[in-house]
């Protein structure tokens, strides 16, 4: 498995999610993908970084899209 390929695929999915986050002053950036555990690390930015509903955005929104699109991802985590 090529980690660079996965990173490209992750960023393509995030490009589809970003406009929804930006409507509320937020954003998301890819940090890294851990191949052994299947964990994708993201950083919530802007309004998303301080929003009390950020975990809902991460789990019900971003993670759901990523899990559906990229079978190698097992979990998505927010890192500071």
N, C-alpha and C. Protein backbone atom coordinates (compact mmCIF):
# COMPACT_ATOMS: atom_id res chain seq x y z
N UNK A 1 0.86 -1.19 0.00
CA UNK A 1 0.00 0.00 0.00
C UNK A 1 0.89 1.24 0.00
N UNK A 2 0.56 2.17 -0.85
CA UNK A 2 1.32 3.41 -0.96
C UNK A 2 0.67 4.48 -0.09
N UNK A 3 1.39 4.92 0.95
CA UNK A 3 0.82 5.91 1.87
C UNK A 3 0.55 7.23 1.17
N UNK A 4 1.37 7.57 0.19
CA UNK A 4 1.14 8.80 -0.57
C UNK A 4 -0.18 8.73 -1.33
N UNK A 5 -0.50 7.56 -1.86
CA UNK A 5 -1.77 7.36 -2.56
C UNK A 5 -2.95 7.56 -1.61
N UNK A 6 -2.83 7.03 -0.42
CA UNK A 6 -3.90 7.19 0.58
C UNK A 6 -4.04 8.66 0.96
N UNK A 7 -2.94 9.34 1.13
CA UNK A 7 -2.98 10.77 1.47
C UNK A 7 -3.71 11.56 0.38
N UNK A 8 -3.44 11.24 -0.87
CA UNK A 8 -4.11 11.91 -1.98
C UNK A 8 -5.61 11.63 -1.94
N UNK A 9 -5.97 10.38 -1.69
CA UNK A 9 -7.39 10.01 -1.61
C UNK A 9 -8.09 10.68 -0.43
N UNK A 10 -7.40 10.76 0.70
CA UNK A 10 -7.96 11.43 1.88
C UNK A 10 -8.22 12.90 1.56
N UNK A 11 -7.25 13.55 0.96
CA UNK A 11 -7.41 14.97 0.64
C UNK A 11 -8.52 15.22 -0.37
N UNK A 12 -8.75 14.29 -1.28
CA UNK A 12 -9.86 14.42 -2.23
C UNK A 12 -11.20 14.39 -1.50
N UNK A 13 -11.32 13.50 -0.52
CA UNK A 13 -12.55 13.44 0.28
C UNK A 13 -12.70 14.72 1.10
N UNK A 14 -11.61 15.17 1.70
CA UNK A 14 -11.67 16.39 2.51
C UNK A 14 -12.07 17.60 1.68
N UNK A 15 -11.68 17.63 0.42
CA UNK A 15 -12.08 18.74 -0.46
C UNK A 15 -13.60 18.81 -0.62
N UNK A 16 -14.25 17.67 -0.54
CA UNK A 16 -15.72 17.64 -0.64
C UNK A 16 -16.38 18.08 0.67
N UNK A 17 -15.70 17.86 1.78
CA UNK A 17 -16.23 18.18 3.11
C UNK A 17 -15.99 19.65 3.47
N UNK A 18 -14.86 20.18 3.04
CA UNK A 18 -14.44 21.54 3.43
C UNK A 18 -15.50 22.62 3.21
N UNK A 19 -16.17 22.66 2.07
CA UNK A 19 -17.14 23.75 1.87
C UNK A 19 -18.21 23.81 2.97
N UNK A 20 -18.61 22.66 3.49
CA UNK A 20 -19.61 22.63 4.57
C UNK A 20 -19.03 23.22 5.85
N UNK A 21 -17.78 22.92 6.14
CA UNK A 21 -17.13 23.45 7.33
C UNK A 21 -16.88 24.95 7.19
N UNK A 22 -16.51 25.37 6.00
CA UNK A 22 -16.18 26.78 5.76
C UNK A 22 -17.40 27.69 5.87
N UNK A 23 -18.58 27.14 5.63
CA UNK A 23 -19.81 27.92 5.78
C UNK A 23 -19.95 28.45 7.21
N UNK A 24 -19.41 27.68 8.17
CA UNK A 24 -19.49 28.07 9.57
C UNK A 24 -18.16 28.59 10.11
N UNK A 25 -17.23 28.93 9.21
CA UNK A 25 -15.96 29.50 9.63
C UNK A 25 -14.92 28.49 10.05
N UNK A 26 -15.11 27.23 9.69
CA UNK A 26 -14.16 26.19 10.07
C UNK A 26 -13.43 25.61 8.88
N UNK A 27 -12.59 24.63 9.18
CA UNK A 27 -11.85 23.94 8.13
C UNK A 27 -11.24 22.69 8.75
N UNK A 28 -10.60 21.88 7.92
CA UNK A 28 -9.93 20.67 8.39
C UNK A 28 -8.68 20.46 7.55
N UNK A 29 -7.62 19.94 8.19
CA UNK A 29 -6.42 19.62 7.44
C UNK A 29 -5.96 18.21 7.78
N UNK A 30 -5.42 17.54 6.77
CA UNK A 30 -4.86 16.21 6.95
C UNK A 30 -3.52 16.34 7.67
N UNK A 31 -3.30 15.51 8.69
CA UNK A 31 -2.04 15.51 9.41
C UNK A 31 -1.21 14.28 9.01
N UNK A 32 -1.78 13.09 9.21
CA UNK A 32 -1.07 11.88 8.81
C UNK A 32 -1.99 10.67 8.84
N UNK A 33 -1.56 9.61 8.17
CA UNK A 33 -2.27 8.34 8.20
C UNK A 33 -1.32 7.29 8.74
N UNK A 34 -1.76 6.59 9.79
CA UNK A 34 -0.96 5.54 10.40
C UNK A 34 -1.39 4.21 9.78
N UNK A 35 -0.55 3.68 8.91
CA UNK A 35 -0.86 2.48 8.14
C UNK A 35 -1.14 1.26 9.02
N UNK A 36 -0.36 1.07 10.08
CA UNK A 36 -0.52 -0.12 10.93
C UNK A 36 -1.85 -0.16 11.66
N UNK A 37 -2.32 0.98 12.13
CA UNK A 37 -3.56 1.02 12.90
C UNK A 37 -4.77 1.44 12.07
N UNK A 38 -4.53 2.03 10.91
CA UNK A 38 -5.64 2.52 10.09
C UNK A 38 -6.22 3.82 10.60
N UNK A 39 -5.46 4.54 11.43
CA UNK A 39 -5.94 5.79 12.02
C UNK A 39 -5.52 6.97 11.12
N UNK A 40 -6.50 7.79 10.79
CA UNK A 40 -6.27 9.01 10.03
C UNK A 40 -6.34 10.17 11.01
N UNK A 41 -5.27 10.94 11.10
CA UNK A 41 -5.23 12.08 12.00
C UNK A 41 -5.50 13.36 11.21
N UNK A 42 -6.45 14.12 11.74
CA UNK A 42 -6.85 15.38 11.13
C UNK A 42 -6.75 16.49 12.17
N UNK A 43 -6.68 17.71 11.72
CA UNK A 43 -6.70 18.86 12.62
C UNK A 43 -7.86 19.75 12.22
N UNK A 44 -8.78 19.97 13.16
CA UNK A 44 -9.89 20.89 12.91
C UNK A 44 -9.37 22.31 13.11
N UNK A 45 -9.74 23.19 12.20
CA UNK A 45 -9.24 24.56 12.19
C UNK A 45 -10.37 25.58 12.30
N UNK A 46 -10.00 26.82 12.57
CA UNK A 46 -10.98 27.90 12.62
C UNK A 46 -12.04 27.66 13.68
N UNK A 47 -13.27 27.96 13.34
CA UNK A 47 -14.38 27.80 14.29
C UNK A 47 -14.54 26.35 14.74
N UNK A 48 -14.14 25.40 13.89
CA UNK A 48 -14.27 23.98 14.25
C UNK A 48 -13.34 23.59 15.40
N UNK A 49 -12.23 24.30 15.54
CA UNK A 49 -11.27 23.94 16.58
C UNK A 49 -11.77 24.25 17.98
N UNK A 50 -12.73 25.16 18.11
CA UNK A 50 -13.23 25.54 19.43
C UNK A 50 -14.71 25.23 19.61
N UNK A 51 -15.34 24.69 18.60
CA UNK A 51 -16.78 24.41 18.65
C UNK A 51 -17.09 23.25 19.60
N UNK A 52 -18.10 23.41 20.46
CA UNK A 52 -18.46 22.32 21.37
C UNK A 52 -19.01 21.10 20.62
N UNK A 53 -19.44 21.26 19.40
CA UNK A 53 -19.97 20.13 18.62
C UNK A 53 -18.93 19.55 17.66
N UNK A 54 -17.67 19.90 17.85
CA UNK A 54 -16.61 19.45 16.94
C UNK A 54 -16.52 17.93 16.86
N UNK A 55 -16.71 17.24 17.98
CA UNK A 55 -16.63 15.78 17.96
C UNK A 55 -17.75 15.18 17.10
N UNK A 56 -18.91 15.82 17.11
CA UNK A 56 -20.01 15.37 16.26
C UNK A 56 -19.66 15.59 14.79
N UNK A 57 -19.08 16.73 14.49
CA UNK A 57 -18.65 17.02 13.12
C UNK A 57 -17.63 15.98 12.68
N UNK A 58 -16.70 15.66 13.56
CA UNK A 58 -15.66 14.70 13.23
C UNK A 58 -16.24 13.31 13.01
N UNK A 59 -17.05 12.82 13.94
CA UNK A 59 -17.57 11.45 13.88
C UNK A 59 -18.70 11.27 12.87
N UNK A 60 -19.72 12.09 12.97
CA UNK A 60 -20.91 11.91 12.12
C UNK A 60 -20.73 12.48 10.72
N UNK A 61 -19.76 13.36 10.57
CA UNK A 61 -19.56 13.99 9.27
C UNK A 61 -18.31 13.48 8.59
N UNK A 62 -17.18 13.99 9.01
CA UNK A 62 -15.91 13.72 8.33
C UNK A 62 -15.55 12.24 8.35
N UNK A 63 -15.61 11.62 9.53
CA UNK A 63 -15.23 10.21 9.63
C UNK A 63 -16.13 9.33 8.77
N UNK A 64 -17.40 9.61 8.77
CA UNK A 64 -18.35 8.82 7.99
C UNK A 64 -17.98 8.85 6.50
N UNK A 65 -17.67 10.02 5.98
CA UNK A 65 -17.28 10.14 4.57
C UNK A 65 -15.97 9.39 4.29
N UNK A 66 -15.00 9.54 5.18
CA UNK A 66 -13.71 8.91 4.96
C UNK A 66 -13.80 7.39 5.04
N UNK A 67 -14.53 6.86 6.02
CA UNK A 67 -14.66 5.41 6.16
C UNK A 67 -15.34 4.80 4.94
N UNK A 68 -16.31 5.50 4.41
CA UNK A 68 -17.03 5.00 3.24
C UNK A 68 -16.15 5.02 1.98
N UNK A 69 -15.32 6.04 1.85
CA UNK A 69 -14.54 6.23 0.64
C UNK A 69 -13.20 5.47 0.63
N UNK A 70 -12.63 5.25 1.81
CA UNK A 70 -11.27 4.68 1.88
C UNK A 70 -11.25 3.52 2.86
N UNK A 71 -11.24 2.31 2.33
CA UNK A 71 -11.36 1.11 3.16
C UNK A 71 -10.20 0.91 4.13
N UNK A 72 -9.04 1.51 3.85
CA UNK A 72 -7.89 1.36 4.74
C UNK A 72 -8.05 2.11 6.06
N UNK A 73 -8.94 3.09 6.08
CA UNK A 73 -9.15 3.88 7.31
C UNK A 73 -10.10 3.13 8.24
N UNK A 74 -9.66 2.98 9.48
CA UNK A 74 -10.46 2.32 10.52
C UNK A 74 -11.05 3.32 11.52
N UNK A 75 -10.35 4.46 11.68
CA UNK A 75 -10.79 5.46 12.65
C UNK A 75 -10.18 6.81 12.27
N UNK A 76 -10.87 7.87 12.66
CA UNK A 76 -10.37 9.23 12.42
C UNK A 76 -10.23 9.91 13.79
N UNK A 77 -9.11 10.55 14.00
CA UNK A 77 -8.84 11.25 15.26
C UNK A 77 -8.48 12.70 14.99
N UNK A 78 -8.91 13.57 15.89
CA UNK A 78 -8.56 14.98 15.83
C UNK A 78 -7.30 15.18 16.67
N UNK A 79 -6.31 15.83 16.09
CA UNK A 79 -5.09 16.16 16.83
C UNK A 79 -4.95 17.66 16.89
N UNK A 80 -4.35 18.15 17.93
CA UNK A 80 -4.18 19.60 18.12
C UNK A 80 -2.94 20.09 17.42
